[in-house]
Amino acid sequence: MGKRFRTVAWREGTKGAMRSRFLALRVQSAHGYVEGEAPGPAVWLLIEWPRAETAPTQYFLCDLPAEYSLRRLVYLTKERCRVEQDYQQLKEELGLDHFEGRSWTGWYHHVTLVMLAHAFLRFQQRRRRNKSSLDTAASAA
């Protein structure tokens, strides 16, 4: 390919930093090329190729600004997993999908309460994490 893949860490996981090798290129889509349409606007093609693999494993097209760094592109692309986890938690643990009413008003109330509960739980998680990092007894162990 001529370009060099760079190792990027996007966040801390339970087993340390989550990292992989990435390459970002500006490309133009050619969706209507066969019908004679002009190429689309320039977008990012982000390619992930973990060291343990023999070929790239994931490809992402994203229309983020051209001045974004590779690190920022990776971070924003990988945040999708966190959003999916939050949505799964909203459905499974907080009952987002349990609404059986018939009005939009009732549905909006239900969704609002579920999202408030989720925000409260996230806040408590972050507070507990920050509190434990300030605990001198825990850091001395």
N, C-alpha and C. Protein backbone atom coordinates (compact mmCIF):
# COMPACT_ATOMS: atom_id res chain seq x y z
N MET A 1 0.81 -1.19 0.00
CA MET A 1 0.00 0.00 0.00
C MET A 1 0.86 1.26 0.00
N GLY A 2 2.05 1.16 0.45
CA GLY A 2 2.92 2.31 0.44
C GLY A 2 2.80 3.18 1.69
N LYS A 3 1.65 3.19 2.30
CA LYS A 3 1.43 3.97 3.52
C LYS A 3 1.74 3.10 4.73
N ARG A 4 2.05 3.75 5.84
CA ARG A 4 2.41 3.02 7.05
C ARG A 4 1.28 3.02 8.07
N PHE A 5 0.96 1.87 8.58
CA PHE A 5 -0.01 1.75 9.66
C PHE A 5 0.66 2.20 10.95
N ARG A 6 -0.09 2.95 11.77
CA ARG A 6 0.43 3.43 13.05
C ARG A 6 -0.39 2.85 14.19
N THR A 7 0.28 2.52 15.28
CA THR A 7 -0.40 2.00 16.46
C THR A 7 -1.01 3.16 17.23
N VAL A 8 -2.31 3.01 17.54
CA VAL A 8 -3.04 4.05 18.26
C VAL A 8 -3.80 3.38 19.41
N ALA A 9 -3.72 3.97 20.60
CA ALA A 9 -4.52 3.53 21.75
C ALA A 9 -5.69 4.50 21.88
N TRP A 10 -6.90 3.98 22.03
CA TRP A 10 -8.06 4.87 22.09
C TRP A 10 -8.68 5.00 23.47
N ARG A 11 -8.49 4.01 24.36
CA ARG A 11 -8.96 4.16 25.74
C ARG A 11 -8.42 3.03 26.58
N GLU A 12 -8.57 3.16 27.91
CA GLU A 12 -8.16 2.11 28.83
C GLU A 12 -9.28 1.10 28.98
N GLY A 13 -8.93 -0.16 28.83
CA GLY A 13 -9.89 -1.23 29.05
C GLY A 13 -9.60 -1.92 30.36
N THR A 14 -10.28 -3.01 30.63
CA THR A 14 -10.08 -3.74 31.89
C THR A 14 -8.71 -4.42 31.92
N LYS A 15 -8.14 -4.70 30.75
CA LYS A 15 -6.83 -5.36 30.68
C LYS A 15 -5.74 -4.43 30.16
N GLY A 16 -5.92 -3.13 30.36
CA GLY A 16 -4.92 -2.17 29.91
C GLY A 16 -5.41 -1.38 28.71
N ALA A 17 -4.49 -0.69 28.08
CA ALA A 17 -4.83 0.18 26.95
C ALA A 17 -5.35 -0.65 25.78
N MET A 18 -6.43 -0.16 25.16
CA MET A 18 -6.96 -0.78 23.96
C MET A 18 -6.26 -0.12 22.78
N ARG A 19 -5.56 -0.93 21.99
CA ARG A 19 -4.78 -0.37 20.90
C ARG A 19 -4.79 -1.31 19.70
N SER A 20 -4.53 -0.73 18.55
CA SER A 20 -4.43 -1.49 17.31
C SER A 20 -3.69 -0.61 16.30
N ARG A 21 -3.44 -1.16 15.12
CA ARG A 21 -2.77 -0.39 14.06
C ARG A 21 -3.83 0.16 13.10
N PHE A 22 -3.64 1.43 12.69
CA PHE A 22 -4.61 2.10 11.83
C PHE A 22 -3.90 2.86 10.71
N LEU A 23 -4.65 3.05 9.64
CA LEU A 23 -4.24 3.89 8.53
C LEU A 23 -5.45 4.70 8.11
N ALA A 24 -5.29 6.02 7.94
CA ALA A 24 -6.38 6.89 7.51
C ALA A 24 -6.01 7.54 6.18
N LEU A 25 -6.93 7.46 5.23
CA LEU A 25 -6.72 8.04 3.90
C LEU A 25 -7.95 8.85 3.52
N ARG A 26 -7.73 9.93 2.78
CA ARG A 26 -8.85 10.68 2.22
C ARG A 26 -9.19 10.06 0.87
N VAL A 27 -10.45 9.67 0.68
CA VAL A 27 -10.90 9.04 -0.56
C VAL A 27 -12.20 9.70 -1.02
N GLN A 28 -12.58 9.44 -2.26
CA GLN A 28 -13.86 9.90 -2.78
C GLN A 28 -14.69 8.68 -3.12
N SER A 29 -15.95 8.70 -2.71
CA SER A 29 -16.82 7.56 -3.02
C SER A 29 -17.19 7.60 -4.50
N ALA A 30 -17.45 6.44 -5.04
CA ALA A 30 -17.82 6.33 -6.45
C ALA A 30 -19.10 5.53 -6.58
N HIS A 31 -20.10 5.86 -5.75
CA HIS A 31 -21.34 5.09 -5.73
C HIS A 31 -22.05 5.07 -7.08
N GLY A 32 -22.10 6.19 -7.79
CA GLY A 32 -22.82 6.24 -9.06
C GLY A 32 -21.91 6.23 -10.27
N TYR A 33 -20.71 5.71 -10.12
CA TYR A 33 -19.72 5.74 -11.20
C TYR A 33 -20.22 5.04 -12.47
N VAL A 34 -20.87 3.90 -12.33
CA VAL A 34 -21.36 3.13 -13.49
C VAL A 34 -22.41 3.92 -14.27
N GLU A 35 -23.22 4.71 -13.54
CA GLU A 35 -24.26 5.52 -14.20
C GLU A 35 -23.72 6.85 -14.70
N GLY A 36 -22.43 7.10 -14.57
CA GLY A 36 -21.82 8.33 -15.05
C GLY A 36 -21.85 9.48 -14.06
N GLU A 37 -22.18 9.21 -12.81
CA GLU A 37 -22.21 10.28 -11.80
C GLU A 37 -20.78 10.64 -11.40
N ALA A 38 -20.62 11.90 -10.99
CA ALA A 38 -19.32 12.37 -10.52
C ALA A 38 -19.01 11.76 -9.16
N PRO A 39 -17.73 11.66 -8.82
CA PRO A 39 -17.37 11.14 -7.49
C PRO A 39 -17.96 12.01 -6.39
N GLY A 40 -18.21 11.39 -5.25
CA GLY A 40 -18.75 12.11 -4.10
C GLY A 40 -17.70 12.95 -3.43
N PRO A 41 -18.07 13.63 -2.35
CA PRO A 41 -17.08 14.45 -1.63
C PRO A 41 -16.03 13.57 -0.96
N ALA A 42 -14.90 14.17 -0.65
CA ALA A 42 -13.81 13.43 0.02
C ALA A 42 -14.23 13.07 1.44
N VAL A 43 -13.97 11.82 1.82
CA VAL A 43 -14.27 11.32 3.15
C VAL A 43 -13.05 10.55 3.66
N TRP A 44 -13.06 10.22 4.94
CA TRP A 44 -11.98 9.42 5.52
C TRP A 44 -12.26 7.95 5.33
N LEU A 45 -11.25 7.20 4.93
CA LEU A 45 -11.27 5.75 4.96
C LEU A 45 -10.29 5.36 6.06
N LEU A 46 -10.83 4.79 7.13
CA LEU A 46 -10.01 4.36 8.27
C LEU A 46 -9.93 2.84 8.23
N ILE A 47 -8.70 2.33 8.23
CA ILE A 47 -8.47 0.89 8.13
C ILE A 47 -7.79 0.41 9.41
N GLU A 48 -8.34 -0.64 10.01
CA GLU A 48 -7.75 -1.23 11.21
C GLU A 48 -7.11 -2.56 10.86
N TRP A 49 -5.86 -2.74 11.27
CA TRP A 49 -5.12 -3.97 11.02
C TRP A 49 -4.37 -4.37 12.28
N PRO A 50 -4.99 -5.19 13.13
CA PRO A 50 -4.30 -5.64 14.35
C PRO A 50 -3.05 -6.43 14.01
N ARG A 51 -2.03 -6.34 14.86
CA ARG A 51 -0.75 -7.02 14.62
C ARG A 51 -0.92 -8.54 14.48
N ALA A 52 -1.82 -9.12 15.22
CA ALA A 52 -1.99 -10.58 15.20
C ALA A 52 -2.68 -11.09 13.94
N GLU A 53 -3.23 -10.20 13.15
CA GLU A 53 -3.98 -10.61 11.94
C GLU A 53 -3.10 -10.56 10.70
N THR A 54 -3.47 -11.37 9.70
CA THR A 54 -2.71 -11.39 8.44
C THR A 54 -3.20 -10.35 7.44
N ALA A 55 -4.37 -9.78 7.69
CA ALA A 55 -4.93 -8.76 6.80
C ALA A 55 -5.78 -7.79 7.64
N PRO A 56 -6.09 -6.62 7.10
CA PRO A 56 -6.95 -5.69 7.83
C PRO A 56 -8.28 -6.33 8.20
N THR A 57 -8.82 -5.94 9.36
CA THR A 57 -10.05 -6.56 9.87
C THR A 57 -11.26 -5.64 9.79
N GLN A 58 -11.06 -4.33 9.81
CA GLN A 58 -12.20 -3.42 9.78
C GLN A 58 -11.88 -2.22 8.90
N TYR A 59 -12.94 -1.74 8.23
CA TYR A 59 -12.85 -0.55 7.39
C TYR A 59 -13.99 0.39 7.78
N PHE A 60 -13.70 1.67 7.92
CA PHE A 60 -14.70 2.66 8.29
C PHE A 60 -14.65 3.81 7.29
N LEU A 61 -15.80 4.24 6.80
CA LEU A 61 -15.91 5.47 6.02
C LEU A 61 -16.56 6.50 6.91
N CYS A 62 -15.95 7.67 7.03
CA CYS A 62 -16.55 8.71 7.87
C CYS A 62 -16.29 10.08 7.25
N ASP A 63 -17.28 10.94 7.37
CA ASP A 63 -17.18 12.27 6.76
C ASP A 63 -16.80 13.35 7.76
N LEU A 64 -15.89 13.02 8.63
CA LEU A 64 -15.38 13.99 9.60
C LEU A 64 -14.44 14.98 8.89
N PRO A 65 -14.19 16.13 9.48
CA PRO A 65 -13.34 17.15 8.84
C PRO A 65 -11.95 16.62 8.48
N ALA A 66 -11.40 17.16 7.40
CA ALA A 66 -10.10 16.71 6.88
C ALA A 66 -8.96 16.99 7.84
N GLU A 67 -9.11 17.98 8.72
CA GLU A 67 -7.99 18.33 9.62
C GLU A 67 -7.91 17.45 10.87
N TYR A 68 -8.82 16.49 11.04
CA TYR A 68 -8.78 15.61 12.20
C TYR A 68 -7.54 14.71 12.15
N SER A 69 -6.94 14.50 13.31
CA SER A 69 -5.76 13.63 13.41
C SER A 69 -6.20 12.16 13.40
N LEU A 70 -5.24 11.29 13.16
CA LEU A 70 -5.51 9.85 13.18
C LEU A 70 -6.03 9.43 14.55
N ARG A 71 -5.41 9.94 15.60
CA ARG A 71 -5.82 9.60 16.96
C ARG A 71 -7.29 9.98 17.22
N ARG A 72 -7.68 11.16 16.77
CA ARG A 72 -9.07 11.61 16.97
C ARG A 72 -10.04 10.79 16.13
N LEU A 73 -9.68 10.45 14.91
CA LEU A 73 -10.53 9.61 14.06
C LEU A 73 -10.77 8.25 14.72
N VAL A 74 -9.70 7.65 15.24
CA VAL A 74 -9.81 6.34 15.89
C VAL A 74 -10.69 6.45 17.12
N TYR A 75 -10.46 7.46 17.94
CA TYR A 75 -11.24 7.62 19.17
C TYR A 75 -12.73 7.74 18.85
N LEU A 76 -13.08 8.60 17.89
CA LEU A 76 -14.49 8.80 17.56
C LEU A 76 -15.12 7.56 16.93
N THR A 77 -14.35 6.85 16.13
CA THR A 77 -14.87 5.64 15.51
C THR A 77 -15.10 4.55 16.55
N LYS A 78 -14.18 4.40 17.48
CA LYS A 78 -14.30 3.36 18.50
C LYS A 78 -15.33 3.69 19.57
N GLU A 79 -15.74 4.95 19.69
CA GLU A 79 -16.78 5.32 20.66
C GLU A 79 -18.11 4.67 20.30
N ARG A 80 -18.26 4.24 19.06
CA ARG A 80 -19.49 3.57 18.63
C ARG A 80 -19.78 2.37 19.51
N CYS A 81 -18.76 1.63 19.90
CA CYS A 81 -18.94 0.46 20.76
C CYS A 81 -19.53 0.86 22.10
N ARG A 82 -19.06 1.96 22.65
CA ARG A 82 -19.57 2.43 23.94
C ARG A 82 -21.04 2.83 23.81
N VAL A 83 -21.40 3.47 22.71
CA VAL A 83 -22.79 3.86 22.48
C VAL A 83 -23.67 2.62 22.39
N GLU A 84 -23.20 1.60 21.68
CA GLU A 84 -23.96 0.36 21.56
C GLU A 84 -24.12 -0.33 22.92
N GLN A 85 -23.08 -0.30 23.74
CA GLN A 85 -23.18 -0.88 25.08
C GLN A 85 -24.18 -0.12 25.93
N ASP A 86 -24.16 1.21 25.85
CA ASP A 86 -25.12 2.01 26.60
C ASP A 86 -26.55 1.71 26.15
N TYR A 87 -26.76 1.59 24.85
CA TYR A 87 -28.10 1.29 24.33
C TYR A 87 -28.56 -0.08 24.82
N GLN A 88 -27.66 -1.05 24.80
CA GLN A 88 -28.00 -2.39 25.29
C GLN A 88 -28.36 -2.33 26.78
N GLN A 89 -27.61 -1.56 27.56
CA GLN A 89 -27.92 -1.42 28.98
C GLN A 89 -29.26 -0.73 29.18
N LEU A 90 -29.55 0.29 28.38
CA LEU A 90 -30.85 0.97 28.46
C LEU A 90 -32.00 -0.01 28.23
N LYS A 91 -31.82 -0.90 27.28
CA LYS A 91 -32.88 -1.87 26.98
C LYS A 91 -32.97 -2.98 28.01
N GLU A 92 -31.85 -3.62 28.31
CA GLU A 92 -31.87 -4.82 29.14
C GLU A 92 -32.01 -4.54 30.63
N GLU A 93 -31.30 -3.53 31.13
CA GLU A 93 -31.25 -3.31 32.56
C GLU A 93 -32.20 -2.22 33.04
N LEU A 94 -32.53 -1.27 32.18
CA LEU A 94 -33.34 -0.14 32.62
C LEU A 94 -34.73 -0.11 31.99
N GLY A 95 -35.04 -1.05 31.12
CA GLY A 95 -36.40 -1.19 30.61
C GLY A 95 -36.81 -0.25 29.50
N LEU A 96 -35.87 0.21 28.68
CA LEU A 96 -36.22 1.11 27.58
C LEU A 96 -37.26 0.48 26.65
N ASP A 97 -37.15 -0.83 26.44
CA ASP A 97 -38.06 -1.51 25.50
C ASP A 97 -39.32 -2.07 26.17
N HIS A 98 -39.61 -1.68 27.41
CA HIS A 98 -40.78 -2.22 28.11
C HIS A 98 -42.02 -1.35 28.01
N PHE A 99 -41.96 -0.26 27.28
CA PHE A 99 -43.13 0.63 27.18
C PHE A 99 -44.22 -0.03 26.36
N GLU A 100 -45.44 -0.04 26.90
CA GLU A 100 -46.58 -0.64 26.19
C GLU A 100 -47.73 0.34 26.06
N GLY A 101 -47.48 1.62 26.20
CA GLY A 101 -48.52 2.62 26.08
C GLY A 101 -48.89 2.90 24.64
N ARG A 102 -49.81 3.83 24.47
CA ARG A 102 -50.29 4.15 23.12
C ARG A 102 -50.14 5.61 22.74
N SER A 103 -49.56 6.41 23.60
CA SER A 103 -49.45 7.84 23.28
C SER A 103 -47.98 8.25 23.18
N TRP A 104 -47.74 9.28 22.35
CA TRP A 104 -46.39 9.81 22.23
C TRP A 104 -45.94 10.42 23.53
N THR A 105 -46.86 11.08 24.22
CA THR A 105 -46.51 11.72 25.49
C THR A 105 -46.02 10.69 26.49
N GLY A 106 -46.73 9.58 26.59
CA GLY A 106 -46.31 8.51 27.50
C GLY A 106 -44.97 7.92 27.12
N TRP A 107 -44.76 7.75 25.81
CA TRP A 107 -43.49 7.20 25.33
C TRP A 107 -42.34 8.15 25.67
N TYR A 108 -42.54 9.46 25.43
CA TYR A 108 -41.50 10.44 25.76
C TYR A 108 -41.20 10.45 27.26
N HIS A 109 -42.23 10.36 28.09
CA HIS A 109 -42.01 10.31 29.54
C HIS A 109 -41.18 9.08 29.91
N HIS A 110 -41.55 7.94 29.32
CA HIS A 110 -40.84 6.69 29.61
C HIS A 110 -39.36 6.80 29.22
N VAL A 111 -39.12 7.24 28.01
CA VAL A 111 -37.74 7.36 27.51
C VAL A 111 -36.95 8.35 28.35
N THR A 112 -37.57 9.47 28.72
CA THR A 112 -36.88 10.47 29.53
C THR A 112 -36.47 9.90 30.89
N LEU A 113 -37.36 9.17 31.54
CA LEU A 113 -37.04 8.59 32.84
C LEU A 113 -35.95 7.53 32.74
N VAL A 114 -36.00 6.72 31.69
CA VAL A 114 -34.96 5.70 31.50
C VAL A 114 -33.60 6.37 31.27
N MET A 115 -33.58 7.42 30.47
CA MET A 115 -32.32 8.11 30.21
C MET A 115 -31.79 8.82 31.45
N LEU A 116 -32.68 9.37 32.26
CA LEU A 116 -32.25 9.98 33.52
C LEU A 116 -31.66 8.93 34.45
N ALA A 117 -32.29 7.76 34.52
CA ALA A 117 -31.75 6.68 35.35
C ALA A 117 -30.36 6.26 34.86
N HIS A 118 -30.20 6.18 33.56
CA HIS A 118 -28.90 5.82 32.98
C HIS A 118 -27.85 6.87 33.30
N ALA A 119 -28.21 8.14 33.17
CA ALA A 119 -27.26 9.22 33.48
C ALA A 119 -26.87 9.17 34.95
N PHE A 120 -27.83 8.91 35.82
CA PHE A 120 -27.54 8.81 37.25
C PHE A 120 -26.56 7.68 37.52
N LEU A 121 -26.78 6.51 36.90
CA LEU A 121 -25.88 5.37 37.10
C LEU A 121 -24.48 5.68 36.59
N ARG A 122 -24.37 6.33 35.44
CA ARG A 122 -23.05 6.71 34.90
C ARG A 122 -22.35 7.69 35.84
N PHE A 123 -23.11 8.64 36.36
CA PHE A 123 -22.55 9.61 37.29
C PHE A 123 -22.02 8.90 38.54
N GLN A 124 -22.78 7.96 39.08
CA GLN A 124 -22.36 7.22 40.26
C GLN A 124 -21.11 6.39 39.96
N GLN A 125 -21.05 5.79 38.79
CA GLN A 125 -19.88 5.02 38.38
C GLN A 125 -18.64 5.91 38.36
N ARG A 126 -18.76 7.06 37.74
CA ARG A 126 -17.62 7.97 37.63
C ARG A 126 -17.22 8.49 39.01
N ARG A 127 -18.21 8.81 39.84
CA ARG A 127 -17.92 9.31 41.18
C ARG A 127 -17.19 8.26 42.00
N ARG A 128 -17.62 7.01 41.90
CA ARG A 128 -16.97 5.92 42.64
C ARG A 128 -15.54 5.73 42.15
N ARG A 129 -15.34 5.80 40.84
CA ARG A 129 -14.00 5.64 40.27
C ARG A 129 -13.08 6.77 40.72
N ASN A 130 -13.57 8.00 40.69
CA ASN A 130 -12.75 9.14 41.12
C ASN A 130 -12.47 9.09 42.62
N LYS A 131 -13.43 8.65 43.39
CA LYS A 131 -13.25 8.56 44.84
C LYS A 131 -12.21 7.51 45.18
N SER A 132 -12.21 6.38 44.49
CA SER A 132 -11.23 5.33 44.79
C SER A 132 -9.82 5.74 44.40
N SER A 133 -9.69 6.60 43.39
CA SER A 133 -8.34 7.06 43.00
C SER A 133 -7.79 8.05 44.01
N LEU A 134 -8.68 8.68 44.80
CA LEU A 134 -8.23 9.62 45.83
C LEU A 134 -8.01 8.93 47.17
N ASP A 135 -8.47 7.70 47.29
CA ASP A 135 -8.35 6.96 48.55
C ASP A 135 -6.90 6.53 48.76
N THR A 136 -6.23 7.07 49.78
CA THR A 136 -4.81 6.76 50.01
C THR A 136 -4.61 5.33 50.45
N ALA A 137 -5.56 4.75 51.17
CA ALA A 137 -5.42 3.36 51.61
C ALA A 137 -5.46 2.42 50.42
N ALA A 138 -6.33 2.71 49.45
CA ALA A 138 -6.44 1.86 48.26
C ALA A 138 -5.20 2.00 47.38
N SER A 139 -4.64 3.21 47.30
CA SER A 139 -3.46 3.40 46.43
C SER A 139 -2.19 2.85 47.08
N ALA A 140 -2.16 2.70 48.39
CA ALA A 140 -0.99 2.17 49.07
C ALA A 140 -0.93 0.65 48.97
N ALA A 141 -2.07 0.02 48.73
CA ALA A 141 -2.12 -1.45 48.67
C ALA A 141 -1.55 -1.99 47.39
